[in-house]
Amino acid sequence: QVQLVESGGGLVQAGGSLRLSCTVSGSDFYFIFFHLMDLGWYRQAPGKQREMVASINTNHEETYADSVKGRFTISRDNAQYTVYLQMTNLKPEDTAVYLCAIPARDAWGQGTQVTISS
C-alpha cells in the first residue's frame, strides 16, 4: 500500500512560479525501493485528457512534455522519498490539477490544483 501526497499548488499570475512537492509513504517496499522507481508528474485540465508533464528515472534523467521544456524542472530527493516540480514562467494554459505518480506501480496522488491567471 502506498500514499502519494502532493502540495504546493495555488493561484498565481502569469509569469509567476510554483514549486510542487510529492512525498511517498506506505509499506516498507516503497521505502526500500523508492530510489529504483521512476517518478512522474502529470496534469489534467477540465475537458482534457491527462498528460505527462515531466518524469525522472532512477539515474535522475529527466523527460519533459514539449509544452513545458525550459520552464519546468523535475527533481527527486530519495532520502526524503519526495519528487519536486519547479514551475517557472507559468502560463494560463498550465492551469490544471497536477498529480504525481509511480507509473510502474500505477500509484497516483490525489492531485493539487494549479491556477494561472492572465
PDB file of N, CA and C in Angstrom:
ATOM      1  N   GLN A   1       0.857  -1.174   0.000  1.00  0.00           N
ATOM      2  CA  GLN A   1       0.000   0.000   0.000  1.00  0.00           C
ATOM      3  C   GLN A   1       0.894   1.225   0.000  1.00  0.00           C
ATOM      4  N   VAL A   2       0.453   2.256  -0.724  1.00  0.00           N
ATOM      5  CA  VAL A   2       1.274   3.448  -0.877  1.00  0.00           C
ATOM      6  C   VAL A   2       0.389   4.686  -0.915  1.00  0.00           C
ATOM      7  N   GLN A   3       0.919   5.764  -0.372  1.00  0.00           N
ATOM      8  CA  GLN A   3       0.255   7.057  -0.464  1.00  0.00           C
ATOM      9  C   GLN A   3       1.215   8.058  -1.095  1.00  0.00           C
ATOM     10  N   LEU A   4       0.686   8.834  -2.019  1.00  0.00           N
ATOM     11  CA  LEU A   4       1.436   9.930  -2.623  1.00  0.00           C
ATOM     12  C   LEU A   4       0.665  11.209  -2.315  1.00  0.00           C
ATOM     13  N   VAL A   5       1.325  12.130  -1.674  1.00  0.00           N
ATOM     14  CA  VAL A   5       0.657  13.357  -1.243  1.00  0.00           C
ATOM     15  C   VAL A   5       1.351  14.557  -1.862  1.00  0.00           C
ATOM     16  N   GLU A   6       0.592  15.266  -2.708  1.00  0.00           N
ATOM     17  CA  GLU A   6       1.125  16.462  -3.357  1.00  0.00           C
ATOM     18  C   GLU A   6       0.829  17.709  -2.539  1.00  0.00           C
ATOM     19  N   SER A   7       1.668  18.702  -2.708  1.00  0.00           N
ATOM     20  CA  SER A   7       1.450  20.004  -2.085  1.00  0.00           C
ATOM     21  C   SER A   7       2.125  21.073  -2.926  1.00  0.00           C
ATOM     22  N   GLY A   8       1.761  22.315  -2.671  1.00  0.00           N
ATOM     23  CA  GLY A   8       2.434  23.427  -3.328  1.00  0.00           C
ATOM     24  C   GLY A   8       1.633  24.116  -4.409  1.00  0.00           C
ATOM     25  N   GLY A   9       0.444  23.599  -4.712  1.00  0.00           N
ATOM     26  CA  GLY A   9      -0.372  24.249  -5.721  1.00  0.00           C
ATOM     27  C   GLY A   9      -0.920  25.575  -5.225  1.00  0.00           C
ATOM     28  N   GLY A  10      -1.565  26.299  -6.134  1.00  0.00           N
ATOM     29  CA  GLY A  10      -2.148  27.568  -5.755  1.00  0.00           C
ATOM     30  C   GLY A  10      -2.518  28.400  -6.961  1.00  0.00           C
ATOM     31  N   LEU A  11      -2.824  29.656  -6.671  1.00  0.00           N
ATOM     32  CA  LEU A  11      -3.206  30.615  -7.698  1.00  0.00           C
ATOM     33  C   LEU A  11      -2.089  31.642  -7.839  1.00  0.00           C
ATOM     34  N   VAL A  12      -1.552  31.757  -9.053  1.00  0.00           N
ATOM     35  CA  VAL A  12      -0.517  32.750  -9.319  1.00  0.00           C
ATOM     36  C   VAL A  12      -0.809  33.439 -10.633  1.00  0.00           C
ATOM     37  N   GLN A  13      -0.194  34.588 -10.813  1.00  0.00           N
ATOM     38  CA  GLN A  13      -0.348  35.307 -12.068  1.00  0.00           C
ATOM     39  C   GLN A  13       0.571  34.727 -13.132  1.00  0.00           C
ATOM     40  N   ALA A  14       0.195  34.942 -14.367  1.00  0.00           N
ATOM     41  CA  ALA A  14       1.053  34.514 -15.472  1.00  0.00           C
ATOM     42  C   ALA A  14       2.446  35.108 -15.296  1.00  0.00           C
ATOM     43  N   GLY A  15       3.446  34.280 -15.587  1.00  0.00           N
ATOM     44  CA  GLY A  15       4.827  34.687 -15.398  1.00  0.00           C
ATOM     45  C   GLY A  15       5.387  34.306 -14.041  1.00  0.00           C
ATOM     46  N   GLY A  16       4.527  33.878 -13.158  1.00  0.00           N
ATOM     47  CA  GLY A  16       4.960  33.508 -11.816  1.00  0.00           C
ATOM     48  C   GLY A  16       5.515  32.104 -11.742  1.00  0.00           C
ATOM     49  N   SER A  17       5.821  31.693 -10.517  1.00  0.00           N
ATOM     50  CA  SER A  17       6.440  30.381 -10.279  1.00  0.00           C
ATOM     51  C   SER A  17       5.740  29.661  -9.143  1.00  0.00           C
ATOM     52  N   LEU A  18       5.820  28.360  -9.185  1.00  0.00           N
ATOM     53  CA  LEU A  18       5.352  27.499  -8.104  1.00  0.00           C
ATOM     54  C   LEU A  18       6.281  26.303  -8.016  1.00  0.00           C
ATOM     55  N   ARG A  19       6.375  25.742  -6.815  1.00  0.00           N
ATOM     56  CA  ARG A  19       7.125  24.512  -6.637  1.00  0.00           C
ATOM     57  C   ARG A  19       6.210  23.483  -6.006  1.00  0.00           C
ATOM     58  N   LEU A  20       5.977  22.403  -6.726  1.00  0.00           N
ATOM     59  CA  LEU A  20       5.162  21.313  -6.231  1.00  0.00           C
ATOM     60  C   LEU A  20       6.046  20.252  -5.586  1.00  0.00           C
ATOM     61  N   SER A  21       5.503  19.639  -4.540  1.00  0.00           N
ATOM     62  CA  SER A  21       6.192  18.531  -3.870  1.00  0.00           C
ATOM     63  C   SER A  21       5.257  17.342  -3.804  1.00  0.00           C
ATOM     64  N   CYS A  22       5.831  16.174  -3.812  1.00  0.00           N
ATOM     65  CA  CYS A  22       5.055  14.941  -3.673  1.00  0.00           C
ATOM     66  C   CYS A  22       5.874  13.982  -2.827  1.00  0.00           C
ATOM     67  N   THR A  23       5.327  13.616  -1.684  1.00  0.00           N
ATOM     68  CA  THR A  23       6.012  12.711  -0.770  1.00  0.00           C
ATOM     69  C   THR A  23       5.316  11.366  -0.759  1.00  0.00           C
ATOM     70  N   VAL A  24       6.105  10.334  -0.858  1.00  0.00           N
ATOM     71  CA  VAL A  24       5.603   8.960  -0.911  1.00  0.00           C
ATOM     72  C   VAL A  24       5.750   8.308   0.454  1.00  0.00           C
ATOM     73  N   SER A  25       4.724   7.618   0.870  1.00  0.00           N
ATOM     74  CA  SER A  25       4.794   6.851   2.114  1.00  0.00           C
ATOM     75  C   SER A  25       3.991   5.581   1.936  1.00  0.00           C
ATOM     76  N   GLY A  26       4.133   4.668   2.900  1.00  0.00           N
ATOM     77  CA  GLY A  26       3.388   3.419   2.815  1.00  0.00           C
ATOM     78  C   GLY A  26       4.193   2.255   3.318  1.00  0.00           C
ATOM     79  N   SER A  27       4.056   1.152   2.637  1.00  0.00           N
ATOM     80  CA  SER A  27       4.715  -0.074   3.099  1.00  0.00           C
ATOM     81  C   SER A  27       6.224   0.048   2.936  1.00  0.00           C
ATOM     82  N   ASP A  28       6.919  -0.812   3.639  1.00  0.00           N
ATOM     83  CA  ASP A  28       8.381  -0.797   3.604  1.00  0.00           C
ATOM     84  C   ASP A  28       8.914  -0.973   2.187  1.00  0.00           C
ATOM     85  N   PHE A  29       8.152  -1.667   1.361  1.00  0.00           N
ATOM     86  CA  PHE A  29       8.563  -1.899  -0.023  1.00  0.00           C
ATOM     87  C   PHE A  29       8.908  -0.595  -0.704  1.00  0.00           C
ATOM     88  N   TYR A  30       8.087   0.447  -0.482  1.00  0.00           N
ATOM     89  CA  TYR A  30       8.295   1.724  -1.171  1.00  0.00           C
ATOM     90  C   TYR A  30       9.473   2.484  -0.589  1.00  0.00           C
ATOM     91  N   PHE A  31       9.708   2.338   0.683  1.00  0.00           N
ATOM     92  CA  PHE A  31      10.871   2.986   1.274  1.00  0.00           C
ATOM     93  C   PHE A  31      12.160   2.313   0.807  1.00  0.00           C
ATOM     94  N   ILE A  32      12.127   0.995   0.715  1.00  0.00           N
ATOM     95  CA  ILE A  32      13.339   0.266   0.350  1.00  0.00           C
ATOM     96  C   ILE A  32      13.694   0.485  -1.109  1.00  0.00           C
ATOM     97  N   PHE A  33      12.684   0.526  -1.974  1.00  0.00           N
ATOM     98  CA  PHE A  33      12.936   0.560  -3.412  1.00  0.00           C
ATOM     99  C   PHE A  33      12.614   1.900  -4.075  1.00  0.00           C
ATOM    100  N   PHE A  34      12.314   2.919  -3.274  1.00  0.00           N
ATOM    101  CA  PHE A  34      11.974   4.224  -3.859  1.00  0.00           C
ATOM    102  C   PHE A  34      13.044   4.688  -4.839  1.00  0.00           C
ATOM    103  N   HIS A  35      14.294   4.504  -4.483  1.00  0.00           N
ATOM    104  CA  HIS A  35      15.388   5.009  -5.314  1.00  0.00           C
ATOM    105  C   HIS A  35      15.481   4.276  -6.656  1.00  0.00           C
ATOM    106  N   LEU A  36      14.763   3.167  -6.782  1.00  0.00           N
ATOM    107  CA  LEU A  36      14.760   2.387  -8.030  1.00  0.00           C
ATOM    108  C   LEU A  36      13.495   2.604  -8.850  1.00  0.00           C
ATOM    109  N   MET A  37      12.670   3.535  -8.418  1.00  0.00           N
ATOM    110  CA  MET A  37      11.391   3.770  -9.087  1.00  0.00           C
ATOM    111  C   MET A  37      11.445   5.032  -9.950  1.00  0.00           C
ATOM    112  N   ASP A  38      10.949   4.907 -11.170  1.00  0.00           N
ATOM    113  CA  ASP A  38      10.747   6.090 -11.994  1.00  0.00           C
ATOM    114  C   ASP A  38       9.543   6.856 -11.452  1.00  0.00           C
ATOM    115  N   LEU A  39       9.628   8.168 -11.507  1.00  0.00           N
ATOM    116  CA  LEU A  39       8.581   9.018 -10.954  1.00  0.00           C
ATOM    117  C   LEU A  39       8.121  10.011 -12.009  1.00  0.00           C
ATOM    118  N   GLY A  40       6.872  10.449 -11.886  1.00  0.00           N
ATOM    119  CA  GLY A  40       6.373  11.385 -12.880  1.00  0.00           C
ATOM    120  C   GLY A  40       5.382  12.374 -12.315  1.00  0.00           C
ATOM    121  N   TRP A  41       5.299  13.499 -13.001  1.00  0.00           N
ATOM    122  CA  TRP A  41       4.247  14.490 -12.759  1.00  0.00           C
ATOM    123  C   TRP A  41       3.348  14.519 -13.991  1.00  0.00           C
ATOM    124  N   TYR A  42       2.055  14.537 -13.725  1.00  0.00           N
ATOM    125  CA  TYR A  42       1.061  14.588 -14.776  1.00  0.00           C
ATOM    126  C   TYR A  42       0.114  15.748 -14.464  1.00  0.00           C
ATOM    127  N   ARG A  43      -0.678  16.130 -15.450  1.00  0.00           N
ATOM    128  CA  ARG A  43      -1.689  17.149 -15.191  1.00  0.00           C
ATOM    129  C   ARG A  43      -2.937  16.851 -16.009  1.00  0.00           C
ATOM    130  N   GLN A  44      -4.050  17.326 -15.450  1.00  0.00           N
ATOM    131  CA  GLN A  44      -5.322  17.150 -16.134  1.00  0.00           C
ATOM    132  C   GLN A  44      -6.116  18.439 -16.011  1.00  0.00           C
ATOM    133  N   ALA A  45      -6.392  19.024 -17.156  1.00  0.00           N
ATOM    134  CA  ALA A  45      -7.202  20.239 -17.201  1.00  0.00           C
ATOM    135  C   ALA A  45      -8.642  19.855 -17.507  1.00  0.00           C
ATOM    136  N   PRO A  46      -9.597  20.689 -17.135  1.00  0.00           N
ATOM    137  CA  PRO A  46     -11.006  20.376 -17.388  1.00  0.00           C
ATOM    138  C   PRO A  46     -11.266  20.100 -18.867  1.00  0.00           C
ATOM    139  N   GLY A  47     -11.913  18.977 -19.139  1.00  0.00           N
ATOM    140  CA  GLY A  47     -12.267  18.638 -20.504  1.00  0.00           C
ATOM    141  C   GLY A  47     -11.131  18.100 -21.343  1.00  0.00           C
ATOM    142  N   LYS A  48      -9.975  17.908 -20.733  1.00  0.00           N
ATOM    143  CA  LYS A  48      -8.814  17.408 -21.473  1.00  0.00           C
ATOM    144  C   LYS A  48      -8.320  16.102 -20.869  1.00  0.00           C
ATOM    145  N   GLN A  49      -7.590  15.361 -21.677  1.00  0.00           N
ATOM    146  CA  GLN A  49      -7.006  14.108 -21.194  1.00  0.00           C
ATOM    147  C   GLN A  49      -5.805  14.395 -20.290  1.00  0.00           C
ATOM    148  N   ARG A  50      -5.558  13.474 -19.398  1.00  0.00           N
ATOM    149  CA  ARG A  50      -4.378  13.570 -18.547  1.00  0.00           C
ATOM    150  C   ARG A  50      -3.130  13.482 -19.416  1.00  0.00           C
ATOM    151  N   GLU A  51      -2.148  14.312 -19.131  1.00  0.00           N
ATOM    152  CA  GLU A  51      -0.919  14.293 -19.915  1.00  0.00           C
ATOM    153  C   GLU A  51       0.297  14.266 -18.987  1.00  0.00           C
ATOM    154  N   MET A  52       1.347  13.629 -19.462  1.00  0.00           N
ATOM    155  CA  MET A  52       2.593  13.602 -18.729  1.00  0.00           C
ATOM    156  C   MET A  52       3.267  14.963 -18.870  1.00  0.00           C
ATOM    157  N   VAL A  53       3.683  15.510 -17.759  1.00  0.00           N
ATOM    158  CA  VAL A  53       4.378  16.790 -17.749  1.00  0.00           C
ATOM    159  C   VAL A  53       5.887  16.582 -17.689  1.00  0.00           C
ATOM    160  N   ALA A  54       6.317  15.740 -16.761  1.00  0.00           N
ATOM    161  CA  ALA A  54       7.746  15.502 -16.583  1.00  0.00           C
ATOM    162  C   ALA A  54       7.937  14.168 -15.882  1.00  0.00           C
ATOM    163  N   SER A  55       9.059  13.541 -16.155  1.00  0.00           N
ATOM    164  CA  SER A  55       9.397  12.298 -15.468  1.00  0.00           C
ATOM    165  C   SER A  55      10.884  12.291 -15.157  1.00  0.00           C
ATOM    166  N   ILE A  56      11.231  11.475 -14.168  1.00  0.00           N
ATOM    167  CA  ILE A  56      12.630  11.350 -13.773  1.00  0.00           C
ATOM    168  C   ILE A  56      12.877   9.890 -13.422  1.00  0.00           C
ATOM    169  N   ASN A  57      13.944   9.346 -13.962  1.00  0.00           N
ATOM    170  CA  ASN A  57      14.191   7.932 -13.704  1.00  0.00           C
ATOM    171  C   ASN A  57      15.197   7.749 -12.568  1.00  0.00           C
ATOM    172  N   THR A  58      15.606   6.531 -12.374  1.00  0.00           N
ATOM    173  CA  THR A  58      16.469   6.227 -11.238  1.00  0.00           C
ATOM    174  C   THR A  58      17.864   6.806 -11.400  1.00  0.00           C
ATOM    175  N   ASN A  59      18.231   7.163 -12.631  1.00  0.00           N
ATOM    176  CA  ASN A  59      19.522   7.808 -12.879  1.00  0.00           C
ATOM    177  C   ASN A  59      19.398   9.331 -12.907  1.00  0.00           C
ATOM    178  N   HIS A  60      18.246   9.808 -12.471  1.00  0.00           N
ATOM    179  CA  HIS A  60      17.969  11.241 -12.448  1.00  0.00           C
ATOM    180  C   HIS A  60      17.929  11.843 -13.848  1.00  0.00           C
ATOM    181  N   GLU A  61      17.655  11.027 -14.836  1.00  0.00           N
ATOM    182  CA  GLU A  61      17.474  11.527 -16.202  1.00  0.00           C
ATOM    183  C   GLU A  61      16.048  12.042 -16.327  1.00  0.00           C
ATOM    184  N   GLU A  62      15.899  13.219 -16.927  1.00  0.00           N
ATOM    185  CA  GLU A  62      14.623  13.922 -16.949  1.00  0.00           C
ATOM    186  C   GLU A  62      14.026  13.920 -18.358  1.00  0.00           C
ATOM    187  N   THR A  63      12.705  13.844 -18.400  1.00  0.00           N
ATOM    188  CA  THR A  63      11.954  13.936 -19.643  1.00  0.00           C
ATOM    189  C   THR A  63      10.827  14.937 -19.436  1.00  0.00           C
ATOM    190  N   TYR A  64      10.575  15.762 -20.471  1.00  0.00           N
ATOM    191  CA  TYR A  64       9.552  16.792 -20.363  1.00  0.00           C
ATOM    192  C   TYR A  64       8.634  16.808 -21.569  1.00  0.00           C
ATOM    193  N   ALA A  65       7.389  17.191 -21.325  1.00  0.00           N
ATOM    194  CA  ALA A  65       6.493  17.500 -22.428  1.00  0.00           C
ATOM    195  C   ALA A  65       7.023  18.740 -23.138  1.00  0.00           C
ATOM    196  N   ASP A  66       6.805  18.788 -24.441  1.00  0.00           N
ATOM    197  CA  ASP A  66       7.307  19.925 -25.215  1.00  0.00           C
ATOM    198  C   ASP A  66       6.770  21.254 -24.688  1.00  0.00           C
ATOM    199  N   SER A  67       5.551  21.219 -24.187  1.00  0.00           N
ATOM    200  CA  SER A  67       4.895  22.453 -23.759  1.00  0.00           C
ATOM    201  C   SER A  67       5.525  23.066 -22.513  1.00  0.00           C
ATOM    202  N   VAL A  68       6.340  22.293 -21.781  1.00  0.00           N
ATOM    203  CA  VAL A  68       6.909  22.816 -20.537  1.00  0.00           C
ATOM    204  C   VAL A  68       8.435  22.858 -20.560  1.00  0.00           C
ATOM    205  N   LYS A  69       9.046  22.391 -21.634  1.00  0.00           N
ATOM    206  CA  LYS A  69      10.506  22.383 -21.710  1.00  0.00           C
ATOM    207  C   LYS A  69      11.057  23.792 -21.533  1.00  0.00           C
ATOM    208  N   GLY A  70      12.089  23.873 -20.715  1.00  0.00           N
ATOM    209  CA  GLY A  70      12.714  25.167 -20.466  1.00  0.00           C
ATOM    210  C   GLY A  70      12.028  25.969 -19.377  1.00  0.00           C
ATOM    211  N   ARG A  71      10.856  25.530 -18.918  1.00  0.00           N
ATOM    212  CA  ARG A  71      10.122  26.255 -17.877  1.00  0.00           C
ATOM    213  C   ARG A  71       9.973  25.430 -16.612  1.00  0.00           C
ATOM    214  N   PHE A  72       9.848  24.117 -16.744  1.00  0.00           N
ATOM    215  CA  PHE A  72       9.637  23.236 -15.601  1.00  0.00           C
ATOM    216  C   PHE A  72      10.887  22.386 -15.372  1.00  0.00           C
ATOM    217  N   THR A  73      11.140  22.072 -14.108  1.00  0.00           N
ATOM    218  CA  THR A  73      12.251  21.196 -13.741  1.00  0.00           C
ATOM    219  C   THR A  73      11.779  20.184 -12.712  1.00  0.00           C
ATOM    220  N   ILE A  74      11.993  18.927 -13.022  1.00  0.00           N
ATOM    221  CA  ILE A  74      11.661  17.854 -12.084  1.00  0.00           C
ATOM    222  C   ILE A  74      12.933  17.430 -11.362  1.00  0.00           C
ATOM    223  N   SER A  75      12.782  17.090 -10.090  1.00  0.00           N
ATOM    224  CA  SER A  75      13.919  16.605  -9.322  1.00  0.00           C
ATOM    225  C   SER A  75      13.397  15.635  -8.262  1.00  0.00           C
ATOM    226  N   ARG A  76      14.319  14.910  -7.655  1.00  0.00           N
ATOM    227  CA  ARG A  76      13.914  13.953  -6.634  1.00  0.00           C
ATOM    228  C   ARG A  76      14.919  13.968  -5.503  1.00  0.00           C
ATOM    229  N   ASP A  77      14.423  13.668  -4.319  1.00  0.00           N
ATOM    230  CA  ASP A  77      15.249  13.509  -3.133  1.00  0.00           C
ATOM    231  C   ASP A  77      14.922  12.145  -2.568  1.00  0.00           C
ATOM    232  N   ASN A  78      15.756  11.181  -2.862  1.00  0.00           N
ATOM    233  CA  ASN A  78      15.458   9.811  -2.440  1.00  0.00           C
ATOM    234  C   ASN A  78      15.467   9.669  -0.918  1.00  0.00           C
ATOM    235  N   ALA A  79      16.280  10.457  -0.251  1.00  0.00           N
ATOM    236  CA  ALA A  79      16.346  10.358   1.211  1.00  0.00           C
ATOM    237  C   ALA A  79      15.050  10.833   1.863  1.00  0.00           C
ATOM    238  N   GLN A  80      14.333  11.713   1.168  1.00  0.00           N
ATOM    239  CA  GLN A  80      13.067  12.242   1.680  1.00  0.00           C
ATOM    240  C   GLN A  80      11.859  11.612   0.997  1.00  0.00           C
ATOM    241  N   TYR A  81      12.094  10.666   0.096  1.00  0.00           N
ATOM    242  CA  TYR A  81      11.011   9.980  -0.632  1.00  0.00           C
ATOM    243  C   TYR A  81      10.107  11.004  -1.302  1.00  0.00           C
ATOM    244  N   THR A  82      10.722  11.986  -1.914  1.00  0.00           N
ATOM    245  CA  THR A  82       9.979  13.119  -2.446  1.00  0.00           C
ATOM    246  C   THR A  82      10.424  13.434  -3.869  1.00  0.00           C
ATOM    247  N   VAL A  83       9.451  13.837  -4.679  1.00  0.00           N
ATOM    248  CA  VAL A  83       9.724  14.318  -6.018  1.00  0.00           C
ATOM    249  C   VAL A  83       9.159  15.738  -6.121  1.00  0.00           C
ATOM    250  N   TYR A  84       9.889  16.597  -6.820  1.00  0.00           N
ATOM    251  CA  TYR A  84       9.521  18.002  -6.925  1.00  0.00           C
ATOM    252  C   TYR A  84       9.270  18.386  -8.372  1.00  0.00           C
ATOM    253  N   LEU A  85       8.494  19.447  -8.543  1.00  0.00           N
ATOM    254  CA  LEU A  85       8.319  20.041  -9.859  1.00  0.00           C
ATOM    255  C   LEU A  85       8.402  21.554  -9.683  1.00  0.00           C
ATOM    256  N   GLN A  86       9.508  22.119 -10.141  1.00  0.00           N
ATOM    257  CA  GLN A  86       9.680  23.564 -10.118  1.00  0.00           C
ATOM    258  C   GLN A  86       9.119  24.108 -11.413  1.00  0.00           C
ATOM    259  N   MET A  87       8.170  25.020 -11.288  1.00  0.00           N
ATOM    260  CA  MET A  87       7.493  25.575 -12.469  1.00  0.00           C
ATOM    261  C   MET A  87       7.739  27.078 -12.518  1.00  0.00           C
ATOM    262  N   THR A  88       8.270  27.546 -13.622  1.00  0.00           N
ATOM    263  CA  THR A  88       8.542  28.973 -13.793  1.00  0.00           C
ATOM    264  C   THR A  88       7.852  29.475 -15.056  1.00  0.00           C
ATOM    265  N   ASN A  89       7.791  30.792 -15.170  1.00  0.00           N
ATOM    266  CA  ASN A  89       7.161  31.430 -16.338  1.00  0.00           C
ATOM    267  C   ASN A  89       5.814  30.773 -16.654  1.00  0.00           C
ATOM    268  N   LEU A  90       4.998  30.649 -15.634  1.00  0.00           N
ATOM    269  CA  LEU A  90       3.726  29.941 -15.777  1.00  0.00           C
ATOM    270  C   LEU A  90       2.775  30.688 -16.698  1.00  0.00           C
ATOM    271  N   LYS A  91       1.992  29.912 -17.424  1.00  0.00           N
ATOM    272  CA  LYS A  91       1.053  30.454 -18.401  1.00  0.00           C
ATOM    273  C   LYS A  91      -0.358  30.007 -18.040  1.00  0.00           C
ATOM    274  N   PRO A  92      -1.384  30.736 -18.481  1.00  0.00           N
ATOM    275  CA  PRO A  92      -2.761  30.311 -18.184  1.00  0.00           C
ATOM    276  C   PRO A  92      -3.046  28.888 -18.640  1.00  0.00           C
ATOM    277  N   GLU A  93      -2.428  28.462 -19.727  1.00  0.00           N
ATOM    278  CA  GLU A  93      -2.662  27.100 -20.220  1.00  0.00           C
ATOM    279  C   GLU A  93      -2.027  26.026 -19.337  1.00  0.00           C
ATOM    280  N   ASP A  94      -1.260  26.424 -18.352  1.00  0.00           N
ATOM    281  CA  ASP A  94      -0.729  25.461 -17.380  1.00  0.00           C
ATOM    282  C   ASP A  94      -1.743  25.144 -16.285  1.00  0.00           C
ATOM    283  N   THR A  95      -2.863  25.837 -16.282  1.00  0.00           N
ATOM    284  CA  THR A  95      -3.897  25.592 -15.274  1.00  0.00           C
ATOM    285  C   THR A  95      -4.410  24.162 -15.378  1.00  0.00           C
ATOM    286  N   ALA A  96      -4.344  23.438 -14.261  1.00  0.00           N
ATOM    287  CA  ALA A  96      -4.747  22.036 -14.238  1.00  0.00           C
ATOM    288  C   ALA A  96      -4.591  21.505 -12.817  1.00  0.00           C
ATOM    289  N   VAL A  97      -5.092  20.300 -12.623  1.00  0.00           N
ATOM    290  CA  VAL A  97      -4.751  19.535 -11.428  1.00  0.00           C
ATOM    291  C   VAL A  97      -3.478  18.753 -11.735  1.00  0.00           C
ATOM    292  N   TYR A  98      -2.484  18.907 -10.886  1.00  0.00           N
ATOM    293  CA  TYR A  98      -1.204  18.236 -11.070  1.00  0.00           C
ATOM    294  C   TYR A  98      -1.110  17.048 -10.130  1.00  0.00           C
ATOM    295  N   LEU A  99      -0.762  15.899 -10.693  1.00  0.00           N
ATOM    296  CA  LEU A  99      -0.677  14.663  -9.932  1.00  0.00           C
ATOM    297  C   LEU A  99       0.709  14.063 -10.078  1.00  0.00           C
ATOM    298  N   CYS A 100       1.211  13.516  -8.988  1.00  0.00           N
ATOM    299  CA  CYS A 100       2.450  12.759  -9.089  1.00  0.00           C
ATOM    300  C   CYS A 100       2.111  11.273  -9.155  1.00  0.00           C
ATOM    301  N   ALA A 101       3.053  10.500  -9.654  1.00  0.00           N
ATOM    302  CA  ALA A 101       2.764   9.083  -9.858  1.00  0.00           C
ATOM    303  C   ALA A 101       4.029   8.255  -9.854  1.00  0.00           C
ATOM    304  N   ILE A 102       3.845   7.006  -9.496  1.00  0.00           N
ATOM    305  CA  ILE A 102       4.844   5.965  -9.730  1.00  0.00           C
ATOM    306  C   ILE A 102       4.216   5.093 -10.809  1.00  0.00           C
ATOM    307  N   PRO A 103       4.488   5.388 -12.071  1.00  0.00           N
ATOM    308  CA  PRO A 103       3.737   4.746 -13.149  1.00  0.00           C
ATOM    309  C   PRO A 103       3.827   3.223 -13.154  1.00  0.00           C
ATOM    310  N   ALA A 104       4.983   2.684 -12.841  1.00  0.00           N
ATOM    311  CA  ALA A 104       5.136   1.234 -12.903  1.00  0.00           C
ATOM    312  C   ALA A 104       4.293   0.524 -11.868  1.00  0.00           C
ATOM    313  N   ARG A 105       3.939   1.237 -10.812  1.00  0.00           N
ATOM    314  CA  ARG A 105       3.110   0.655  -9.748  1.00  0.00           C
ATOM    315  C   ARG A 105       1.667   1.126  -9.868  1.00  0.00           C
ATOM    316  N   ASP A 106       1.375   1.935 -10.891  1.00  0.00           N
ATOM    317  CA  ASP A 106       0.042   2.522 -11.063  1.00  0.00           C
ATOM    318  C   ASP A 106      -0.415   3.176  -9.764  1.00  0.00           C
ATOM    319  N   ALA A 107       0.510   3.899  -9.161  1.00  0.00           N
ATOM    320  CA  ALA A 107       0.234   4.598  -7.902  1.00  0.00           C
ATOM    321  C   ALA A 107       0.152   6.086  -8.185  1.00  0.00           C
ATOM    322  N   TRP A 108      -0.923   6.720  -7.679  1.00  0.00           N
ATOM    323  CA  TRP A 108      -1.187   8.121  -8.001  1.00  0.00           C
ATOM    324  C   TRP A 108      -1.550   8.893  -6.740  1.00  0.00           C
ATOM    325  N   GLY A 109      -1.185  10.155  -6.754  1.00  0.00           N
ATOM    326  CA  GLY A 109      -1.656  11.037  -5.704  1.00  0.00           C
ATOM    327  C   GLY A 109      -3.023  11.584  -6.043  1.00  0.00           C
ATOM    328  N   GLN A 110      -3.579  12.354  -5.108  1.00  0.00           N
ATOM    329  CA  GLN A 110      -4.902  12.930  -5.305  1.00  0.00           C
ATOM    330  C   GLN A 110      -4.850  14.186  -6.171  1.00  0.00           C
ATOM    331  N   GLY A 111      -3.695  14.812  -6.240  1.00  0.00           N
ATOM    332  CA  GLY A 111      -3.549  15.993  -7.075  1.00  0.00           C
ATOM    333  C   GLY A 111      -3.584  17.283  -6.290  1.00  0.00           C
ATOM    334  N   THR A 112      -2.990  18.302  -6.883  1.00  0.00           N
ATOM    335  CA  THR A 112      -3.016  19.645  -6.313  1.00  0.00           C
ATOM    336  C   THR A 112      -3.353  20.625  -7.440  1.00  0.00           C
ATOM    337  N   GLN A 113      -4.248  21.548  -7.138  1.00  0.00           N
ATOM    338  CA  GLN A 113      -4.737  22.473  -8.158  1.00  0.00           C
ATOM    339  C   GLN A 113      -3.726  23.593  -8.394  1.00  0.00           C
ATOM    340  N   VAL A 114      -3.452  23.833  -9.662  1.00  0.00           N
ATOM    341  CA  VAL A 114      -2.618  24.962 -10.074  1.00  0.00           C
ATOM    342  C   VAL A 114      -3.461  25.825 -11.006  1.00  0.00           C
ATOM    343  N   THR A 115      -3.620  27.084 -10.645  1.00  0.00           N
ATOM    344  CA  THR A 115      -4.419  28.005 -11.440  1.00  0.00           C
ATOM    345  C   THR A 115      -3.586  29.229 -11.773  1.00  0.00           C
ATOM    346  N   ILE A 116      -3.498  29.529 -13.045  1.00  0.00           N
ATOM    347  CA  ILE A 116      -2.703  30.668 -13.510  1.00  0.00           C
ATOM    348  C   ILE A 116      -3.639  31.714 -14.103  1.00  0.00           C
ATOM    349  N   SER A 117      -3.597  32.893 -13.537  1.00  0.00           N
ATOM    350  CA  SER A 117      -4.446  33.976 -14.035  1.00  0.00           C
ATOM    351  C   SER A 117      -3.678  34.814 -15.054  1.00  0.00           C
ATOM    352  N   SER A 118      -4.396  35.318 -16.031  1.00  0.00           N
ATOM    353  CA  SER A 118      -3.757  36.119 -17.081  1.00  0.00           C
ATOM    354  C   SER A 118      -3.724  37.592 -16.699  1.00  0.00           C
TER     355      SER A 118
END
